[in-house]
Amino acid sequence: MQGRKLIEKNVVNAWKLSIANDYCKQRINSERSLQASFWSYLNNLIPDDQRLFIEPKISVGSKRIYPDIVVCRKKLVTAIIELKYLPRAKPKFEKDIKTLAFISRNRKRILVSNKRFTGETTITEYKLSTRILFVYACVHKNINTEDYPSYASRYSSLKGCYLQLHAETNKSNLPRVFCLSG
């Protein structure tokens, strides 16, 4: 399994594990704890030649963006992930999808940096892969529809490189976990 398909498989599996093993056991109570849980599972699933960064700086000219999680392999960014934790509310996706679309449109001009203050570093800047995967993942309440839209459908720059993950909560059952590709 190569490239985007492998990272997509690992992202989906990490999401399912995070929800089943941490959310359902009441170990997630904020977006930060969702981020920590998801990072931990994804970190265990990815190959040793990949690394994860939490909220690294992405520079586009003078604009700075800090996505929740960035996956890198060698000198390339292979996935950018935005997470939302709204277990009692409808999903709020507009800002994150606009950010992902902006990054996608400007991917040739973007560098991700993860500079340390001390110690040895070999690579501090990463370019975006041409096969990058953009992910929006949200824990949210049931919105009473079986026909979820792809939140990225209005953005041509995300076509074919977007994954949307849901954990739909309700009062009487475990969350319904599902994904949409776009």
N, C-alpha and C. Protein backbone atom coordinates (compact mmCIF):
# COMPACT_ATOMS: atom_id res chain seq x y z
N MET A 1 0.85 -1.17 0.00
CA MET A 1 0.00 0.00 0.00
C MET A 1 0.90 1.24 0.00
N GLN A 2 0.67 2.14 -0.90
CA GLN A 2 1.56 3.28 -1.08
C GLN A 2 0.87 4.59 -0.71
N GLY A 3 1.69 5.60 -0.41
CA GLY A 3 1.30 6.99 -0.30
C GLY A 3 0.04 7.30 0.45
N ARG A 4 -0.86 8.01 -0.23
CA ARG A 4 -2.06 8.54 0.40
C ARG A 4 -2.96 7.44 0.96
N LYS A 5 -3.07 6.33 0.28
CA LYS A 5 -3.94 5.24 0.76
C LYS A 5 -3.48 4.72 2.12
N LEU A 6 -2.16 4.61 2.31
CA LEU A 6 -1.64 4.12 3.59
C LEU A 6 -1.90 5.13 4.70
N ILE A 7 -1.62 6.39 4.46
CA ILE A 7 -1.86 7.38 5.51
C ILE A 7 -3.35 7.50 5.80
N GLU A 8 -4.20 7.41 4.76
CA GLU A 8 -5.65 7.45 4.97
C GLU A 8 -6.10 6.28 5.85
N LYS A 9 -5.60 5.09 5.56
CA LYS A 9 -5.95 3.91 6.36
C LYS A 9 -5.52 4.10 7.81
N ASN A 10 -4.32 4.61 8.03
CA ASN A 10 -3.82 4.81 9.39
C ASN A 10 -4.61 5.90 10.12
N VAL A 11 -4.98 6.96 9.43
CA VAL A 11 -5.77 8.03 10.05
C VAL A 11 -7.15 7.51 10.46
N VAL A 12 -7.80 6.78 9.58
CA VAL A 12 -9.13 6.22 9.89
C VAL A 12 -9.04 5.26 11.08
N ASN A 13 -8.04 4.39 11.08
CA ASN A 13 -7.89 3.44 12.18
C ASN A 13 -7.58 4.14 13.50
N ALA A 14 -6.74 5.17 13.47
CA ALA A 14 -6.42 5.93 14.68
C ALA A 14 -7.67 6.63 15.22
N TRP A 15 -8.50 7.16 14.31
CA TRP A 15 -9.75 7.82 14.72
C TRP A 15 -10.68 6.82 15.41
N LYS A 16 -10.85 5.65 14.80
CA LYS A 16 -11.71 4.63 15.39
C LYS A 16 -11.21 4.19 16.76
N LEU A 17 -9.90 3.99 16.89
CA LEU A 17 -9.31 3.58 18.17
C LEU A 17 -9.46 4.66 19.23
N SER A 18 -9.23 5.90 18.85
CA SER A 18 -9.35 7.01 19.78
C SER A 18 -10.77 7.12 20.33
N ILE A 19 -11.75 7.01 19.46
CA ILE A 19 -13.14 7.11 19.90
C ILE A 19 -13.53 5.89 20.74
N ALA A 20 -13.21 4.69 20.25
CA ALA A 20 -13.60 3.47 20.97
C ALA A 20 -12.87 3.31 22.31
N ASN A 21 -11.59 3.59 22.33
CA ASN A 21 -10.80 3.31 23.53
C ASN A 21 -10.69 4.48 24.49
N ASP A 22 -10.84 5.69 24.03
CA ASP A 22 -10.70 6.83 24.93
C ASP A 22 -12.00 7.62 25.11
N TYR A 23 -12.66 7.99 24.02
CA TYR A 23 -13.91 8.74 24.16
C TYR A 23 -14.97 7.89 24.88
N CYS A 24 -15.14 6.67 24.46
CA CYS A 24 -16.18 5.82 25.04
C CYS A 24 -15.88 5.44 26.50
N LYS A 25 -14.64 5.58 26.92
CA LYS A 25 -14.27 5.32 28.32
C LYS A 25 -14.14 6.62 29.11
N GLN A 26 -14.68 7.70 28.54
CA GLN A 26 -14.72 9.02 29.18
C GLN A 26 -13.33 9.55 29.52
N ARG A 27 -12.36 9.29 28.66
CA ARG A 27 -11.00 9.79 28.83
C ARG A 27 -10.75 11.06 28.03
N ILE A 28 -11.69 11.41 27.16
CA ILE A 28 -11.56 12.63 26.35
C ILE A 28 -12.61 13.62 26.84
N ASN A 29 -12.14 14.80 27.24
CA ASN A 29 -13.07 15.82 27.74
C ASN A 29 -12.81 17.19 27.13
N SER A 30 -11.95 17.25 26.11
CA SER A 30 -11.65 18.53 25.47
C SER A 30 -11.00 18.26 24.11
N GLU A 31 -10.87 19.32 23.32
CA GLU A 31 -10.19 19.15 22.04
C GLU A 31 -8.73 18.76 22.23
N ARG A 32 -8.10 19.28 23.26
CA ARG A 32 -6.70 18.92 23.54
C ARG A 32 -6.56 17.45 23.88
N SER A 33 -7.47 16.90 24.66
CA SER A 33 -7.36 15.48 25.00
C SER A 33 -7.71 14.61 23.79
N LEU A 34 -8.61 15.07 22.92
CA LEU A 34 -8.86 14.37 21.66
C LEU A 34 -7.60 14.36 20.82
N GLN A 35 -6.93 15.51 20.75
CA GLN A 35 -5.69 15.63 19.99
C GLN A 35 -4.63 14.67 20.53
N ALA A 36 -4.49 14.60 21.85
CA ALA A 36 -3.50 13.72 22.46
C ALA A 36 -3.82 12.25 22.19
N SER A 37 -5.08 11.88 22.34
CA SER A 37 -5.50 10.50 22.10
C SER A 37 -5.27 10.10 20.64
N PHE A 38 -5.76 10.93 19.73
CA PHE A 38 -5.61 10.64 18.31
C PHE A 38 -4.14 10.57 17.91
N TRP A 39 -3.32 11.52 18.39
CA TRP A 39 -1.89 11.52 18.10
C TRP A 39 -1.25 10.21 18.55
N SER A 40 -1.60 9.77 19.76
CA SER A 40 -1.00 8.55 20.31
C SER A 40 -1.30 7.33 19.44
N TYR A 41 -2.55 7.16 19.05
CA TYR A 41 -2.90 6.01 18.20
C TYR A 41 -2.27 6.12 16.82
N LEU A 42 -2.31 7.30 16.24
CA LEU A 42 -1.71 7.46 14.91
C LEU A 42 -0.20 7.25 14.97
N ASN A 43 0.44 7.75 16.01
CA ASN A 43 1.87 7.58 16.16
C ASN A 43 2.26 6.10 16.24
N ASN A 44 1.42 5.29 16.86
CA ASN A 44 1.68 3.85 16.94
C ASN A 44 1.43 3.12 15.62
N LEU A 45 0.62 3.70 14.75
CA LEU A 45 0.26 3.03 13.49
C LEU A 45 1.19 3.38 12.33
N ILE A 46 1.78 4.56 12.35
CA ILE A 46 2.58 4.98 11.20
C ILE A 46 3.94 4.28 11.19
N PRO A 47 4.53 4.12 10.00
CA PRO A 47 5.87 3.52 9.91
C PRO A 47 6.93 4.39 10.59
N ASP A 48 8.05 3.77 10.90
CA ASP A 48 9.13 4.47 11.61
C ASP A 48 9.73 5.62 10.82
N ASP A 49 9.57 5.62 9.49
CA ASP A 49 10.15 6.71 8.70
C ASP A 49 9.25 7.94 8.64
N GLN A 50 8.15 7.93 9.40
CA GLN A 50 7.24 9.08 9.44
C GLN A 50 7.28 9.70 10.82
N ARG A 51 6.88 10.96 10.89
CA ARG A 51 6.81 11.65 12.17
C ARG A 51 5.57 12.53 12.20
N LEU A 52 5.13 12.81 13.42
CA LEU A 52 3.96 13.64 13.63
C LEU A 52 4.36 14.90 14.38
N PHE A 53 3.78 16.01 13.99
CA PHE A 53 3.98 17.26 14.70
C PHE A 53 2.62 17.79 15.14
N ILE A 54 2.56 18.27 16.36
CA ILE A 54 1.35 18.90 16.88
C ILE A 54 1.52 20.40 16.75
N GLU A 55 0.58 21.02 16.07
CA GLU A 55 0.52 22.47 15.88
C GLU A 55 1.84 23.09 15.41
N PRO A 56 2.44 22.54 14.35
CA PRO A 56 3.63 23.19 13.81
C PRO A 56 3.23 24.45 13.05
N LYS A 57 4.18 25.33 12.87
CA LYS A 57 3.90 26.57 12.14
C LYS A 57 3.96 26.31 10.64
N ILE A 58 2.92 26.74 9.94
CA ILE A 58 2.90 26.71 8.48
C ILE A 58 2.95 28.16 8.02
N SER A 59 3.91 28.47 7.18
CA SER A 59 4.08 29.84 6.68
C SER A 59 3.66 29.93 5.23
N VAL A 60 2.80 30.91 4.93
CA VAL A 60 2.43 31.25 3.56
C VAL A 60 2.61 32.75 3.47
N GLY A 61 3.75 33.17 2.93
CA GLY A 61 4.09 34.59 2.95
C GLY A 61 4.17 35.05 4.39
N SER A 62 3.41 36.08 4.73
CA SER A 62 3.42 36.58 6.11
C SER A 62 2.34 35.93 6.98
N LYS A 63 1.51 35.09 6.39
CA LYS A 63 0.43 34.42 7.14
C LYS A 63 0.98 33.18 7.86
N ARG A 64 0.55 32.97 9.11
CA ARG A 64 0.96 31.82 9.91
C ARG A 64 -0.28 31.01 10.28
N ILE A 65 -0.18 29.70 10.10
CA ILE A 65 -1.28 28.78 10.41
C ILE A 65 -0.70 27.66 11.27
N TYR A 66 -1.50 27.18 12.24
CA TYR A 66 -1.05 26.13 13.14
C TYR A 66 -2.08 24.99 13.14
N PRO A 67 -1.98 24.06 12.20
CA PRO A 67 -2.94 22.94 12.17
C PRO A 67 -2.73 22.03 13.38
N ASP A 68 -3.75 21.26 13.72
CA ASP A 68 -3.68 20.40 14.90
C ASP A 68 -2.57 19.35 14.79
N ILE A 69 -2.55 18.61 13.70
CA ILE A 69 -1.55 17.55 13.53
C ILE A 69 -1.07 17.55 12.08
N VAL A 70 0.23 17.40 11.91
CA VAL A 70 0.83 17.29 10.59
C VAL A 70 1.65 16.00 10.55
N VAL A 71 1.47 15.22 9.48
CA VAL A 71 2.21 13.97 9.29
C VAL A 71 3.27 14.21 8.22
N CYS A 72 4.51 13.82 8.52
CA CYS A 72 5.60 14.01 7.58
C CYS A 72 6.33 12.70 7.33
N ARG A 73 6.85 12.58 6.13
CA ARG A 73 7.69 11.45 5.74
C ARG A 73 8.86 12.03 4.95
N LYS A 74 10.05 11.75 5.44
CA LYS A 74 11.27 12.33 4.86
C LYS A 74 11.15 13.84 4.92
N LYS A 75 11.22 14.53 3.80
CA LYS A 75 11.13 16.00 3.80
C LYS A 75 9.79 16.50 3.28
N LEU A 76 8.75 15.64 3.35
CA LEU A 76 7.45 16.00 2.79
C LEU A 76 6.34 15.88 3.83
N VAL A 77 5.39 16.80 3.78
CA VAL A 77 4.16 16.72 4.56
C VAL A 77 3.21 15.83 3.79
N THR A 78 2.73 14.74 4.41
CA THR A 78 1.83 13.81 3.74
C THR A 78 0.37 13.96 4.19
N ALA A 79 0.14 14.61 5.34
CA ALA A 79 -1.23 14.83 5.80
C ALA A 79 -1.29 16.02 6.75
N ILE A 80 -2.39 16.75 6.66
CA ILE A 80 -2.68 17.84 7.59
C ILE A 80 -4.06 17.56 8.17
N ILE A 81 -4.14 17.56 9.50
CA ILE A 81 -5.35 17.13 10.19
C ILE A 81 -5.86 18.23 11.11
N GLU A 82 -7.14 18.55 10.97
CA GLU A 82 -7.82 19.49 11.87
C GLU A 82 -8.85 18.71 12.67
N LEU A 83 -8.86 18.91 13.98
CA LEU A 83 -9.77 18.21 14.88
C LEU A 83 -10.72 19.19 15.55
N LYS A 84 -11.93 18.73 15.82
CA LYS A 84 -12.92 19.51 16.57
C LYS A 84 -13.58 18.59 17.59
N TYR A 85 -13.83 19.14 18.78
CA TYR A 85 -14.50 18.40 19.84
C TYR A 85 -15.72 19.19 20.29
N LEU A 86 -16.89 18.75 19.84
CA LEU A 86 -18.15 19.42 20.13
C LEU A 86 -19.22 18.36 20.44
N PRO A 87 -19.06 17.55 21.49
CA PRO A 87 -19.95 16.42 21.71
C PRO A 87 -21.41 16.78 21.95
N ARG A 88 -21.69 18.02 22.32
CA ARG A 88 -23.07 18.46 22.58
C ARG A 88 -23.56 19.47 21.56
N ALA A 89 -22.79 19.66 20.48
CA ALA A 89 -23.15 20.69 19.49
C ALA A 89 -23.03 20.13 18.07
N LYS A 90 -23.61 20.87 17.15
CA LYS A 90 -23.48 20.52 15.73
C LYS A 90 -22.03 20.78 15.31
N PRO A 91 -21.56 20.06 14.28
CA PRO A 91 -20.19 20.30 13.83
C PRO A 91 -20.00 21.72 13.32
N LYS A 92 -18.89 22.32 13.69
CA LYS A 92 -18.51 23.65 13.20
C LYS A 92 -17.26 23.45 12.36
N PHE A 93 -17.42 23.58 11.09
CA PHE A 93 -16.35 23.19 10.19
C PHE A 93 -15.85 24.31 9.28
N GLU A 94 -16.60 25.38 9.14
CA GLU A 94 -16.29 26.38 8.13
C GLU A 94 -14.85 26.89 8.21
N LYS A 95 -14.41 27.32 9.40
CA LYS A 95 -13.07 27.89 9.55
C LYS A 95 -12.00 26.87 9.19
N ASP A 96 -12.13 25.64 9.69
CA ASP A 96 -11.12 24.62 9.43
C ASP A 96 -11.06 24.22 7.96
N ILE A 97 -12.22 24.11 7.32
CA ILE A 97 -12.24 23.74 5.90
C ILE A 97 -11.64 24.87 5.06
N LYS A 98 -11.96 26.10 5.39
CA LYS A 98 -11.34 27.23 4.68
C LYS A 98 -9.82 27.21 4.84
N THR A 99 -9.37 26.89 6.03
CA THR A 99 -7.93 26.81 6.28
C THR A 99 -7.30 25.69 5.46
N LEU A 100 -7.92 24.52 5.45
CA LEU A 100 -7.39 23.40 4.67
C LEU A 100 -7.37 23.75 3.17
N ALA A 101 -8.44 24.38 2.69
CA ALA A 101 -8.50 24.77 1.28
C ALA A 101 -7.43 25.81 0.95
N PHE A 102 -7.21 26.75 1.85
CA PHE A 102 -6.17 27.76 1.65
C PHE A 102 -4.80 27.10 1.56
N ILE A 103 -4.53 26.18 2.47
CA ILE A 103 -3.25 25.45 2.43
C ILE A 103 -3.12 24.70 1.12
N SER A 104 -4.18 24.01 0.72
CA SER A 104 -4.14 23.23 -0.53
C SER A 104 -3.88 24.12 -1.74
N ARG A 105 -4.56 25.26 -1.82
CA ARG A 105 -4.36 26.17 -2.95
C ARG A 105 -2.94 26.72 -3.01
N ASN A 106 -2.32 26.85 -1.86
CA ASN A 106 -0.99 27.46 -1.78
C ASN A 106 0.11 26.45 -1.50
N ARG A 107 -0.16 25.18 -1.74
CA ARG A 107 0.77 24.13 -1.30
C ARG A 107 2.16 24.24 -1.88
N LYS A 108 2.32 24.81 -3.06
CA LYS A 108 3.66 24.94 -3.64
C LYS A 108 4.50 26.00 -2.95
N ARG A 109 3.84 26.92 -2.25
CA ARG A 109 4.54 28.02 -1.58
C ARG A 109 4.75 27.78 -0.09
N ILE A 110 4.29 26.64 0.42
CA ILE A 110 4.25 26.43 1.86
C ILE A 110 5.45 25.62 2.36
N LEU A 111 5.94 26.06 3.51
CA LEU A 111 6.94 25.30 4.25
C LEU A 111 6.40 25.10 5.66
N VAL A 112 6.54 23.88 6.17
CA VAL A 112 6.19 23.59 7.55
C VAL A 112 7.49 23.55 8.32
N SER A 113 7.54 24.28 9.42
CA SER A 113 8.77 24.26 10.21
C SER A 113 8.49 23.73 11.60
N ASN A 114 9.46 23.03 12.13
CA ASN A 114 9.38 22.50 13.47
C ASN A 114 10.76 22.66 14.11
N LYS A 115 11.07 23.87 14.45
CA LYS A 115 12.39 24.18 14.99
C LYS A 115 12.42 23.96 16.49
N ARG A 116 13.50 23.36 16.93
CA ARG A 116 13.72 23.18 18.37
C ARG A 116 14.60 24.31 18.87
N PHE A 117 14.49 24.59 20.14
CA PHE A 117 15.32 25.65 20.71
C PHE A 117 16.74 25.17 20.94
N THR A 118 16.89 23.92 21.36
CA THR A 118 18.22 23.38 21.60
C THR A 118 18.30 21.97 21.07
N GLY A 119 19.49 21.45 20.98
CA GLY A 119 19.68 20.08 20.54
C GLY A 119 19.89 19.99 19.05
N GLU A 120 20.29 18.84 18.61
CA GLU A 120 20.58 18.61 17.21
C GLU A 120 19.30 18.35 16.42
N THR A 121 19.18 18.99 15.28
CA THR A 121 18.08 18.73 14.36
C THR A 121 18.66 18.55 12.97
N THR A 122 18.11 17.65 12.21
CA THR A 122 18.60 17.42 10.86
C THR A 122 17.71 18.06 9.81
N ILE A 123 16.40 18.07 10.05
CA ILE A 123 15.45 18.66 9.11
C ILE A 123 14.53 19.58 9.90
N THR A 124 14.39 20.80 9.45
CA THR A 124 13.49 21.71 10.15
C THR A 124 12.38 22.25 9.25
N GLU A 125 12.47 22.03 7.95
CA GLU A 125 11.44 22.51 7.04
C GLU A 125 10.99 21.39 6.11
N TYR A 126 9.68 21.34 5.88
CA TYR A 126 9.08 20.30 5.06
C TYR A 126 8.19 20.95 4.00
N LYS A 127 8.27 20.45 2.78
CA LYS A 127 7.38 20.90 1.71
C LYS A 127 6.16 19.99 1.69
N LEU A 128 5.07 20.47 1.10
CA LEU A 128 3.87 19.67 1.02
C LEU A 128 3.96 18.71 -0.16
N SER A 129 3.64 17.46 0.09
CA SER A 129 3.63 16.44 -0.94
C SER A 129 2.55 16.75 -1.98
N THR A 130 2.79 16.35 -3.21
CA THR A 130 1.75 16.48 -4.24
C THR A 130 0.61 15.50 -3.98
N ARG A 131 0.84 14.50 -3.14
CA ARG A 131 -0.17 13.48 -2.80
C ARG A 131 -0.70 13.66 -1.37
N ILE A 132 -0.67 14.88 -0.87
CA ILE A 132 -1.06 15.17 0.52
C ILE A 132 -2.54 14.84 0.76
N LEU A 133 -2.84 14.48 2.01
CA LEU A 133 -4.21 14.22 2.45
C LEU A 133 -4.60 15.29 3.46
N PHE A 134 -5.75 15.93 3.25
CA PHE A 134 -6.29 16.92 4.17
C PHE A 134 -7.44 16.26 4.92
N VAL A 135 -7.44 16.38 6.26
CA VAL A 135 -8.42 15.67 7.09
C VAL A 135 -9.11 16.65 8.04
N TYR A 136 -10.44 16.54 8.10
CA TYR A 136 -11.23 17.23 9.11
C TYR A 136 -11.92 16.13 9.91
N ALA A 137 -11.71 16.12 11.24
CA ALA A 137 -12.29 15.09 12.10
C ALA A 137 -13.01 15.78 13.27
N CYS A 138 -14.24 15.34 13.55
CA CYS A 138 -15.04 16.03 14.56
C CYS A 138 -15.86 15.05 15.40
N VAL A 139 -15.83 15.27 16.70
CA VAL A 139 -16.77 14.63 17.63
C VAL A 139 -17.90 15.64 17.79
N HIS A 140 -19.12 15.24 17.47
CA HIS A 140 -20.26 16.16 17.51
C HIS A 140 -21.54 15.41 17.78
N LYS A 141 -22.60 16.16 18.12
CA LYS A 141 -23.88 15.51 18.40
C LYS A 141 -24.55 15.07 17.09
N ASN A 142 -25.48 14.15 17.24
CA ASN A 142 -26.27 13.65 16.12
C ASN A 142 -27.03 14.82 15.50
N ILE A 143 -26.90 14.95 14.19
CA ILE A 143 -27.62 16.05 13.52
C ILE A 143 -28.80 15.52 12.69
N ASN A 144 -29.20 14.29 12.99
CA ASN A 144 -30.42 13.70 12.41
C ASN A 144 -30.44 13.70 10.88
N THR A 145 -29.37 13.26 10.30
CA THR A 145 -29.36 13.10 8.86
C THR A 145 -28.46 11.94 8.49
N GLU A 146 -28.87 11.16 7.57
CA GLU A 146 -28.05 10.06 7.07
C GLU A 146 -27.19 10.53 5.90
N ASP A 147 -27.55 11.66 5.32
CA ASP A 147 -26.87 12.15 4.13
C ASP A 147 -25.97 13.32 4.48
N TYR A 148 -24.81 13.01 5.02
CA TYR A 148 -23.85 14.05 5.38
C TYR A 148 -23.20 14.61 4.12
N PRO A 149 -23.08 15.92 4.06
CA PRO A 149 -22.35 16.50 2.93
C PRO A 149 -20.85 16.42 3.18
N SER A 150 -20.09 16.42 2.11
CA SER A 150 -18.65 16.62 2.25
C SER A 150 -18.48 18.11 2.47
N TYR A 151 -17.95 18.48 3.61
CA TYR A 151 -17.80 19.90 3.94
C TYR A 151 -16.87 20.61 2.96
N ALA A 152 -16.04 19.86 2.28
CA ALA A 152 -15.07 20.45 1.36
C ALA A 152 -15.57 20.52 -0.07
N SER A 153 -16.80 20.13 -0.34
CA SER A 153 -17.29 20.05 -1.72
C SER A 153 -17.26 21.39 -2.44
N ARG A 154 -17.29 22.50 -1.72
CA ARG A 154 -17.25 23.83 -2.36
C ARG A 154 -15.84 24.27 -2.75
N TYR A 155 -14.85 23.48 -2.36
CA TYR A 155 -13.45 23.89 -2.58
C TYR A 155 -12.77 22.92 -3.56
N SER A 156 -12.57 23.37 -4.76
CA SER A 156 -11.97 22.52 -5.78
C SER A 156 -10.55 22.10 -5.41
N SER A 157 -9.86 22.90 -4.63
CA SER A 157 -8.48 22.56 -4.25
C SER A 157 -8.41 21.33 -3.34
N LEU A 158 -9.54 20.94 -2.73
CA LEU A 158 -9.56 19.77 -1.85
C LEU A 158 -10.10 18.52 -2.55
N LYS A 159 -10.54 18.67 -3.77
CA LYS A 159 -11.11 17.53 -4.50
C LYS A 159 -10.07 16.42 -4.67
N GLY A 160 -10.43 15.22 -4.25
CA GLY A 160 -9.57 14.05 -4.41
C GLY A 160 -8.47 13.90 -3.37
N CYS A 161 -8.40 14.84 -2.41
CA CYS A 161 -7.34 14.75 -1.39
C CYS A 161 -7.88 15.06 0.01
N TYR A 162 -9.16 14.83 0.21
CA TYR A 162 -9.83 15.23 1.45
C TYR A 162 -10.52 14.04 2.10
N LEU A 163 -10.43 13.98 3.44
CA LEU A 163 -11.09 12.95 4.23
C LEU A 163 -11.79 13.62 5.39
N GLN A 164 -13.04 13.22 5.62
CA GLN A 164 -13.86 13.79 6.69
C GLN A 164 -14.25 12.67 7.64
N LEU A 165 -13.93 12.83 8.91
CA LEU A 165 -14.19 11.81 9.93
C LEU A 165 -15.20 12.33 10.94
N HIS A 166 -16.11 11.47 11.35
CA HIS A 166 -17.15 11.85 12.31
C HIS A 166 -17.21 10.85 13.45
N ALA A 167 -17.54 11.37 14.63
CA ALA A 167 -17.95 10.56 15.77
C ALA A 167 -19.21 11.27 16.26
N GLU A 168 -20.34 10.73 15.88
CA GLU A 168 -21.63 11.37 16.14
C GLU A 168 -22.17 10.87 17.47
N THR A 169 -22.28 11.76 18.45
CA THR A 169 -22.70 11.38 19.80
C THR A 169 -24.22 11.45 19.94
N ASN A 170 -24.72 10.70 20.90
CA ASN A 170 -26.12 10.80 21.29
C ASN A 170 -26.24 10.36 22.75
N LYS A 171 -27.38 10.61 23.35
CA LYS A 171 -27.52 10.39 24.80
C LYS A 171 -27.59 8.92 25.20
N SER A 172 -28.06 8.04 24.32
CA SER A 172 -28.33 6.68 24.76
C SER A 172 -27.45 5.60 24.14
N ASN A 173 -26.59 5.92 23.21
CA ASN A 173 -25.76 4.91 22.57
C ASN A 173 -24.32 5.36 22.44
N LEU A 174 -23.48 4.44 22.04
CA LEU A 174 -22.10 4.78 21.71
C LEU A 174 -22.10 5.66 20.47
N PRO A 175 -21.05 6.43 20.26
CA PRO A 175 -21.02 7.28 19.07
C PRO A 175 -21.02 6.46 17.78
N ARG A 176 -21.62 7.02 16.76
CA ARG A 176 -21.57 6.43 15.42
C ARG A 176 -20.35 7.02 14.74
N VAL A 177 -19.40 6.16 14.37
CA VAL A 177 -18.15 6.60 13.77
C VAL A 177 -18.18 6.26 12.27
N PHE A 178 -17.89 7.27 11.44
CA PHE A 178 -17.88 7.02 9.99
C PHE A 178 -17.01 8.06 9.30
N CYS A 179 -16.71 7.80 8.03
CA CYS A 179 -15.87 8.73 7.27
C CYS A 179 -16.43 8.93 5.88
N LEU A 180 -16.06 10.08 5.29
CA LEU A 180 -16.42 10.43 3.92
C LEU A 180 -15.15 10.87 3.21
N SER A 181 -14.96 10.40 1.99
CA SER A 181 -13.83 10.85 1.20
C SER A 181 -14.31 11.88 0.19
N GLY A 182 -13.39 12.73 -0.23
CA GLY A 182 -13.82 13.74 -1.19
C GLY A 182 -12.74 14.16 -2.13
